[in-house]
Amino acid sequence: MRRAEIVHAARGWIGTPYRHQASLKGAGCDCLGLVRGLWREMVGSEPERVPPYSPDWAEVTGEETLLTAARRHLDEVALGAARAGDVLVFRMATGVPAKHCGVLTGEGTLVHAYWGRAVVETRLVPWWQRRAVAAFAFPGVED
């Protein structure tokens, strides 16, 4: 798969309503559901079943569940080397586990599921840049 195909697929999710734990283009998804949906479109069957999780799962457990899962299934790249089509993982506050993710779509733009609204494409402004903690490529991605 090519990076341009991932970006095109990610943009195809724009407007999908935000739905906690969902992963169905046009019907609803959260940030993980967006990445899961892109995995199904680009790679194939999901590599593992996602257990139920509450909106405050990271604060409650204190475990790096999202980051650990990303490292199991995606290819980690240097954060500064992330490119269009790569998945960024974010820590929403200092000292808490990472709990948000999205897909870079270009120089400074990101598609992600915006809490309580929908999947959107936004600028990767300094607020987001400061919170990015890791970057990953889908397996088998080509330029």
N, C-alpha and C. Protein backbone atom coordinates (compact mmCIF):
# COMPACT_ATOMS: atom_id res chain seq x y z
N MET A 1 0.84 -1.17 0.00
CA MET A 1 0.00 0.00 0.00
C MET A 1 0.88 1.24 0.00
N ARG A 2 0.38 2.27 -0.62
CA ARG A 2 1.13 3.50 -0.74
C ARG A 2 0.59 4.54 0.25
N ARG A 3 1.45 5.48 0.63
CA ARG A 3 1.06 6.52 1.56
C ARG A 3 -0.13 7.31 1.05
N ALA A 4 -0.14 7.62 -0.24
CA ALA A 4 -1.25 8.38 -0.81
C ALA A 4 -2.58 7.63 -0.67
N GLU A 5 -2.54 6.31 -0.74
CA GLU A 5 -3.76 5.51 -0.56
C GLU A 5 -4.27 5.59 0.87
N ILE A 6 -3.35 5.59 1.83
CA ILE A 6 -3.73 5.69 3.24
C ILE A 6 -4.37 7.06 3.49
N VAL A 7 -3.75 8.11 2.97
CA VAL A 7 -4.30 9.47 3.13
C VAL A 7 -5.68 9.55 2.51
N HIS A 8 -5.84 9.02 1.32
CA HIS A 8 -7.15 9.04 0.65
C HIS A 8 -8.19 8.28 1.48
N ALA A 9 -7.80 7.13 2.00
CA ALA A 9 -8.72 6.34 2.81
C ALA A 9 -9.07 7.08 4.10
N ALA A 10 -8.09 7.70 4.74
CA ALA A 10 -8.35 8.45 5.98
C ALA A 10 -9.32 9.60 5.72
N ARG A 11 -9.12 10.30 4.63
CA ARG A 11 -10.02 11.41 4.30
C ARG A 11 -11.43 10.91 4.01
N GLY A 12 -11.56 9.67 3.59
CA GLY A 12 -12.87 9.09 3.34
C GLY A 12 -13.69 8.93 4.63
N TRP A 13 -13.05 8.98 5.78
CA TRP A 13 -13.73 8.88 7.07
C TRP A 13 -14.22 10.24 7.58
N ILE A 14 -13.77 11.34 6.96
CA ILE A 14 -14.16 12.68 7.42
C ILE A 14 -15.68 12.79 7.42
N GLY A 15 -16.18 13.32 8.51
CA GLY A 15 -17.62 13.46 8.69
C GLY A 15 -18.26 12.31 9.45
N THR A 16 -17.54 11.20 9.61
CA THR A 16 -18.08 10.08 10.39
C THR A 16 -18.29 10.57 11.83
N PRO A 17 -19.49 10.41 12.38
CA PRO A 17 -19.75 10.90 13.74
C PRO A 17 -18.87 10.22 14.77
N TYR A 18 -18.56 10.97 15.82
CA TYR A 18 -17.80 10.40 16.93
C TYR A 18 -18.72 9.46 17.71
N ARG A 19 -18.29 8.21 17.84
CA ARG A 19 -19.01 7.21 18.63
C ARG A 19 -17.96 6.41 19.39
N HIS A 20 -18.01 6.48 20.71
CA HIS A 20 -17.05 5.77 21.55
C HIS A 20 -17.05 4.28 21.21
N GLN A 21 -15.89 3.73 20.98
CA GLN A 21 -15.62 2.32 20.70
C GLN A 21 -16.13 1.82 19.34
N ALA A 22 -16.70 2.68 18.53
CA ALA A 22 -17.19 2.25 17.22
C ALA A 22 -16.06 2.31 16.19
N SER A 23 -16.26 1.65 15.06
CA SER A 23 -15.26 1.64 13.99
C SER A 23 -15.93 1.34 12.65
N LEU A 24 -16.90 2.17 12.27
CA LEU A 24 -17.64 1.95 11.03
C LEU A 24 -17.75 3.27 10.27
N LYS A 25 -17.06 3.34 9.13
CA LYS A 25 -17.04 4.56 8.33
C LYS A 25 -18.46 5.02 8.02
N GLY A 26 -18.71 6.30 8.25
CA GLY A 26 -20.02 6.89 7.97
C GLY A 26 -21.01 6.73 9.10
N ALA A 27 -20.83 5.71 9.94
CA ALA A 27 -21.77 5.46 11.04
C ALA A 27 -21.24 5.96 12.37
N GLY A 28 -19.95 5.74 12.64
CA GLY A 28 -19.38 6.20 13.89
C GLY A 28 -18.05 5.56 14.21
N CYS A 29 -17.19 6.34 14.87
CA CYS A 29 -15.91 5.82 15.35
C CYS A 29 -15.32 6.77 16.38
N ASP A 30 -14.39 6.24 17.15
CA ASP A 30 -13.53 7.08 17.97
C ASP A 30 -12.15 7.06 17.31
N CYS A 31 -11.14 7.63 17.97
CA CYS A 31 -9.83 7.71 17.32
C CYS A 31 -9.25 6.33 17.03
N LEU A 32 -9.37 5.41 17.98
CA LEU A 32 -8.89 4.05 17.75
C LEU A 32 -9.71 3.36 16.66
N GLY A 33 -11.00 3.60 16.66
CA GLY A 33 -11.87 3.02 15.64
C GLY A 33 -11.49 3.48 14.24
N LEU A 34 -11.05 4.73 14.11
CA LEU A 34 -10.58 5.24 12.82
C LEU A 34 -9.36 4.45 12.36
N VAL A 35 -8.38 4.28 13.24
CA VAL A 35 -7.17 3.55 12.87
C VAL A 35 -7.50 2.09 12.60
N ARG A 36 -8.39 1.50 13.39
CA ARG A 36 -8.81 0.12 13.15
C ARG A 36 -9.47 0.00 11.78
N GLY A 37 -10.34 0.95 11.45
CA GLY A 37 -11.01 0.92 10.15
C GLY A 37 -10.03 1.06 9.00
N LEU A 38 -9.05 1.93 9.16
CA LEU A 38 -8.02 2.07 8.13
C LEU A 38 -7.19 0.79 8.01
N TRP A 39 -6.91 0.15 9.14
CA TRP A 39 -6.20 -1.14 9.11
C TRP A 39 -6.99 -2.13 8.25
N ARG A 40 -8.29 -2.22 8.49
CA ARG A 40 -9.10 -3.17 7.71
C ARG A 40 -9.08 -2.83 6.23
N GLU A 41 -9.14 -1.55 5.90
CA GLU A 41 -9.12 -1.14 4.49
C GLU A 41 -7.76 -1.37 3.84
N MET A 42 -6.70 -1.12 4.56
CA MET A 42 -5.36 -1.13 3.98
C MET A 42 -4.61 -2.44 4.17
N VAL A 43 -4.82 -3.10 5.31
CA VAL A 43 -4.01 -4.28 5.65
C VAL A 43 -4.83 -5.56 5.58
N GLY A 44 -6.03 -5.55 6.15
CA GLY A 44 -6.87 -6.75 6.19
C GLY A 44 -7.51 -6.90 7.56
N SER A 45 -7.74 -8.12 7.95
CA SER A 45 -8.40 -8.40 9.24
C SER A 45 -7.61 -7.80 10.39
N GLU A 46 -8.34 -7.33 11.39
CA GLU A 46 -7.68 -6.76 12.56
C GLU A 46 -6.86 -7.84 13.26
N PRO A 47 -5.68 -7.47 13.77
CA PRO A 47 -4.78 -8.46 14.35
C PRO A 47 -5.20 -8.98 15.72
N GLU A 48 -6.07 -8.25 16.41
CA GLU A 48 -6.54 -8.72 17.71
C GLU A 48 -7.87 -8.05 18.02
N ARG A 49 -8.61 -8.67 18.91
CA ARG A 49 -9.89 -8.13 19.35
C ARG A 49 -9.63 -7.02 20.36
N VAL A 50 -10.31 -5.90 20.22
CA VAL A 50 -10.16 -4.80 21.16
C VAL A 50 -11.14 -5.00 22.31
N PRO A 51 -10.64 -5.06 23.53
CA PRO A 51 -11.55 -5.24 24.67
C PRO A 51 -12.36 -3.97 24.91
N PRO A 52 -13.50 -4.09 25.58
CA PRO A 52 -14.28 -2.90 25.92
C PRO A 52 -13.42 -1.92 26.74
N TYR A 53 -13.65 -0.64 26.52
CA TYR A 53 -12.92 0.38 27.29
C TYR A 53 -13.83 1.58 27.52
N SER A 54 -13.67 2.19 28.67
CA SER A 54 -14.46 3.36 29.02
C SER A 54 -13.76 4.61 28.50
N PRO A 55 -14.47 5.73 28.39
CA PRO A 55 -13.83 6.96 27.92
C PRO A 55 -12.64 7.39 28.79
N ASP A 56 -12.64 7.02 30.06
CA ASP A 56 -11.55 7.42 30.96
C ASP A 56 -10.58 6.27 31.25
N TRP A 57 -10.52 5.28 30.35
CA TRP A 57 -9.71 4.08 30.60
C TRP A 57 -8.26 4.40 30.95
N ALA A 58 -7.65 5.36 30.29
CA ALA A 58 -6.23 5.64 30.54
C ALA A 58 -6.01 6.22 31.92
N GLU A 59 -6.91 7.09 32.34
CA GLU A 59 -6.78 7.68 33.67
C GLU A 59 -7.03 6.65 34.76
N VAL A 60 -7.95 5.72 34.50
CA VAL A 60 -8.29 4.71 35.50
C VAL A 60 -7.18 3.67 35.64
N THR A 61 -6.70 3.15 34.52
CA THR A 61 -5.72 2.06 34.58
C THR A 61 -4.29 2.56 34.73
N GLY A 62 -3.98 3.71 34.16
CA GLY A 62 -2.61 4.22 34.20
C GLY A 62 -1.65 3.43 33.32
N GLU A 63 -2.17 2.54 32.50
CA GLU A 63 -1.33 1.69 31.64
C GLU A 63 -1.24 2.26 30.23
N GLU A 64 -0.11 2.04 29.58
CA GLU A 64 0.12 2.51 28.21
C GLU A 64 -0.48 1.55 27.19
N THR A 65 -1.76 1.28 27.32
CA THR A 65 -2.45 0.30 26.49
C THR A 65 -2.37 0.66 25.00
N LEU A 66 -2.68 1.89 24.65
CA LEU A 66 -2.69 2.30 23.24
C LEU A 66 -1.29 2.26 22.64
N LEU A 67 -0.33 2.82 23.34
CA LEU A 67 1.04 2.84 22.85
C LEU A 67 1.61 1.43 22.71
N THR A 68 1.34 0.58 23.67
CA THR A 68 1.82 -0.81 23.63
C THR A 68 1.20 -1.56 22.46
N ALA A 69 -0.10 -1.38 22.23
CA ALA A 69 -0.76 -2.04 21.10
C ALA A 69 -0.20 -1.53 19.78
N ALA A 70 0.03 -0.23 19.67
CA ALA A 70 0.61 0.32 18.44
C ALA A 70 1.97 -0.32 18.17
N ARG A 71 2.75 -0.48 19.21
CA ARG A 71 4.08 -1.09 19.04
C ARG A 71 4.00 -2.57 18.67
N ARG A 72 2.91 -3.23 19.03
CA ARG A 72 2.74 -4.64 18.66
C ARG A 72 2.42 -4.80 17.18
N HIS A 73 1.67 -3.86 16.62
CA HIS A 73 1.10 -4.09 15.29
C HIS A 73 1.56 -3.13 14.19
N LEU A 74 2.10 -1.99 14.56
CA LEU A 74 2.57 -1.00 13.59
C LEU A 74 4.08 -0.91 13.66
N ASP A 75 4.69 -0.29 12.65
CA ASP A 75 6.14 -0.13 12.61
C ASP A 75 6.50 1.26 13.13
N GLU A 76 7.18 1.30 14.29
CA GLU A 76 7.50 2.61 14.88
C GLU A 76 8.55 3.33 14.04
N VAL A 77 8.32 4.62 13.87
CA VAL A 77 9.26 5.50 13.16
C VAL A 77 9.59 6.66 14.09
N ALA A 78 10.71 7.30 13.86
CA ALA A 78 11.07 8.47 14.66
C ALA A 78 9.98 9.53 14.51
N LEU A 79 9.60 10.13 15.61
CA LEU A 79 8.53 11.12 15.60
C LEU A 79 8.81 12.23 14.59
N GLY A 80 10.04 12.70 14.55
CA GLY A 80 10.41 13.77 13.62
C GLY A 80 10.45 13.33 12.17
N ALA A 81 10.41 12.02 11.92
CA ALA A 81 10.46 11.50 10.56
C ALA A 81 9.09 11.06 10.05
N ALA A 82 8.04 11.26 10.85
CA ALA A 82 6.69 10.84 10.45
C ALA A 82 6.27 11.57 9.19
N ARG A 83 5.57 10.83 8.32
CA ARG A 83 5.14 11.37 7.03
C ARG A 83 3.67 11.07 6.81
N ALA A 84 3.13 11.64 5.75
CA ALA A 84 1.73 11.40 5.40
C ALA A 84 1.46 9.90 5.36
N GLY A 85 0.35 9.49 5.98
CA GLY A 85 -0.01 8.09 6.05
C GLY A 85 0.41 7.41 7.34
N ASP A 86 1.24 8.08 8.13
CA ASP A 86 1.68 7.51 9.41
C ASP A 86 0.67 7.84 10.51
N VAL A 87 0.64 7.00 11.52
CA VAL A 87 -0.24 7.18 12.68
C VAL A 87 0.56 7.91 13.76
N LEU A 88 -0.02 8.97 14.30
CA LEU A 88 0.57 9.66 15.44
C LEU A 88 -0.22 9.28 16.69
N VAL A 89 0.49 9.11 17.80
CA VAL A 89 -0.12 8.80 19.08
C VAL A 89 0.17 9.98 20.02
N PHE A 90 -0.85 10.38 20.77
CA PHE A 90 -0.75 11.58 21.60
C PHE A 90 -1.01 11.28 23.07
N ARG A 91 -0.30 12.00 23.92
CA ARG A 91 -0.52 12.00 25.36
C ARG A 91 -1.23 13.32 25.66
N MET A 92 -2.45 13.25 26.17
CA MET A 92 -3.26 14.45 26.32
C MET A 92 -2.83 15.33 27.49
N ALA A 93 -2.05 14.82 28.41
CA ALA A 93 -1.51 15.60 29.53
C ALA A 93 -0.21 14.95 29.99
N THR A 94 0.62 15.72 30.62
CA THR A 94 1.88 15.21 31.15
C THR A 94 1.61 14.17 32.23
N GLY A 95 2.35 13.07 32.16
CA GLY A 95 2.26 12.06 33.20
C GLY A 95 1.11 11.09 33.10
N VAL A 96 0.34 11.16 32.00
CA VAL A 96 -0.76 10.20 31.81
C VAL A 96 -0.47 9.36 30.57
N PRO A 97 -1.06 8.19 30.48
CA PRO A 97 -0.84 7.35 29.30
C PRO A 97 -1.35 8.02 28.01
N ALA A 98 -0.76 7.64 26.90
CA ALA A 98 -1.23 8.10 25.60
C ALA A 98 -2.64 7.55 25.37
N LYS A 99 -3.54 8.40 24.83
CA LYS A 99 -4.91 7.92 24.62
C LYS A 99 -5.59 8.52 23.40
N HIS A 100 -4.82 9.11 22.50
CA HIS A 100 -5.43 9.64 21.28
C HIS A 100 -4.51 9.32 20.11
N CYS A 101 -5.10 9.14 18.93
CA CYS A 101 -4.31 8.86 17.74
C CYS A 101 -5.01 9.43 16.51
N GLY A 102 -4.23 9.61 15.47
CA GLY A 102 -4.75 10.10 14.21
C GLY A 102 -3.76 9.79 13.11
N VAL A 103 -4.10 10.16 11.88
CA VAL A 103 -3.26 9.85 10.72
C VAL A 103 -2.81 11.14 10.05
N LEU A 104 -1.50 11.27 9.89
CA LEU A 104 -0.97 12.43 9.16
C LEU A 104 -1.44 12.37 7.72
N THR A 105 -1.88 13.51 7.21
CA THR A 105 -2.35 13.55 5.82
C THR A 105 -1.48 14.44 4.95
N GLY A 106 -0.57 15.14 5.54
CA GLY A 106 0.31 16.01 4.78
C GLY A 106 1.21 16.76 5.73
N GLU A 107 1.87 17.76 5.21
CA GLU A 107 2.76 18.58 6.03
C GLU A 107 1.93 19.40 7.01
N GLY A 108 1.84 18.89 8.23
CA GLY A 108 1.13 19.63 9.26
C GLY A 108 -0.36 19.46 9.29
N THR A 109 -0.90 18.37 8.73
CA THR A 109 -2.34 18.11 8.81
C THR A 109 -2.58 16.69 9.30
N LEU A 110 -3.72 16.52 9.97
CA LEU A 110 -4.02 15.27 10.66
C LEU A 110 -5.51 14.97 10.54
N VAL A 111 -5.84 13.72 10.23
CA VAL A 111 -7.23 13.26 10.30
C VAL A 111 -7.36 12.49 11.60
N HIS A 112 -8.36 12.87 12.41
CA HIS A 112 -8.60 12.18 13.68
C HIS A 112 -10.06 12.33 14.07
N ALA A 113 -10.49 11.47 14.97
CA ALA A 113 -11.86 11.53 15.47
C ALA A 113 -11.90 12.54 16.61
N TYR A 114 -12.58 13.63 16.38
CA TYR A 114 -12.66 14.72 17.34
C TYR A 114 -13.72 14.40 18.37
N TRP A 115 -13.31 14.28 19.63
CA TRP A 115 -14.18 13.88 20.73
C TRP A 115 -15.51 14.63 20.70
N GLY A 116 -16.60 13.88 20.67
CA GLY A 116 -17.93 14.46 20.75
C GLY A 116 -18.45 15.05 19.46
N ARG A 117 -17.65 15.03 18.38
CA ARG A 117 -18.10 15.64 17.13
C ARG A 117 -18.06 14.63 15.98
N ALA A 118 -16.93 14.60 15.28
CA ALA A 118 -16.82 13.75 14.09
C ALA A 118 -15.36 13.60 13.71
N VAL A 119 -15.10 12.79 12.70
CA VAL A 119 -13.76 12.70 12.13
C VAL A 119 -13.53 13.97 11.31
N VAL A 120 -12.40 14.62 11.56
CA VAL A 120 -12.07 15.89 10.92
C VAL A 120 -10.62 15.86 10.45
N GLU A 121 -10.31 16.78 9.56
CA GLU A 121 -8.91 17.01 9.19
C GLU A 121 -8.55 18.38 9.74
N THR A 122 -7.52 18.41 10.58
CA THR A 122 -7.13 19.65 11.24
C THR A 122 -5.65 19.92 11.05
N ARG A 123 -5.26 21.14 11.35
CA ARG A 123 -3.84 21.49 11.34
C ARG A 123 -3.17 20.88 12.56
N LEU A 124 -1.97 20.46 12.38
CA LEU A 124 -1.18 19.92 13.48
C LEU A 124 -0.49 21.12 14.16
N VAL A 125 -1.29 21.88 14.87
CA VAL A 125 -0.83 23.11 15.52
C VAL A 125 0.08 22.75 16.69
N PRO A 126 0.81 23.75 17.24
CA PRO A 126 1.72 23.46 18.35
C PRO A 126 1.06 22.72 19.51
N TRP A 127 -0.21 22.99 19.81
CA TRP A 127 -0.90 22.28 20.89
C TRP A 127 -0.82 20.77 20.66
N TRP A 128 -1.11 20.31 19.43
CA TRP A 128 -1.03 18.89 19.10
C TRP A 128 0.42 18.43 19.04
N GLN A 129 1.28 19.21 18.43
CA GLN A 129 2.69 18.83 18.30
C GLN A 129 3.32 18.52 19.65
N ARG A 130 3.02 19.33 20.67
CA ARG A 130 3.58 19.11 22.00
C ARG A 130 3.10 17.81 22.62
N ARG A 131 1.97 17.31 22.20
CA ARG A 131 1.38 16.12 22.80
C ARG A 131 1.71 14.83 22.05
N ALA A 132 2.27 14.95 20.86
CA ALA A 132 2.64 13.75 20.09
C ALA A 132 3.80 13.04 20.79
N VAL A 133 3.65 11.73 21.00
CA VAL A 133 4.68 10.97 21.70
C VAL A 133 5.28 9.85 20.87
N ALA A 134 4.62 9.46 19.79
CA ALA A 134 5.15 8.37 18.96
C ALA A 134 4.51 8.42 17.59
N ALA A 135 5.20 7.84 16.63
CA ALA A 135 4.70 7.76 15.26
C ALA A 135 4.92 6.34 14.75
N PHE A 136 3.99 5.90 13.91
CA PHE A 136 4.02 4.52 13.40
C PHE A 136 3.58 4.48 11.95
N ALA A 137 4.17 3.59 11.19
CA ALA A 137 3.74 3.32 9.82
C ALA A 137 2.94 2.01 9.82
N PHE A 138 1.96 1.96 8.93
CA PHE A 138 1.26 0.69 8.74
C PHE A 138 2.26 -0.32 8.17
N PRO A 139 2.12 -1.60 8.50
CA PRO A 139 3.05 -2.59 7.94
C PRO A 139 2.92 -2.66 6.42
N GLY A 140 4.05 -2.71 5.76
CA GLY A 140 4.05 -2.84 4.31
C GLY A 140 3.86 -1.55 3.56
N VAL A 141 3.89 -0.41 4.24
CA VAL A 141 3.67 0.87 3.55
C VAL A 141 4.87 1.18 2.65
N GLU A 142 4.54 1.74 1.50
CA GLU A 142 5.56 2.17 0.54
C GLU A 142 5.37 3.65 0.25
N ASP A 143 6.38 4.25 -0.31
CA ASP A 143 6.25 5.67 -0.69
C ASP A 143 5.47 5.75 -1.95
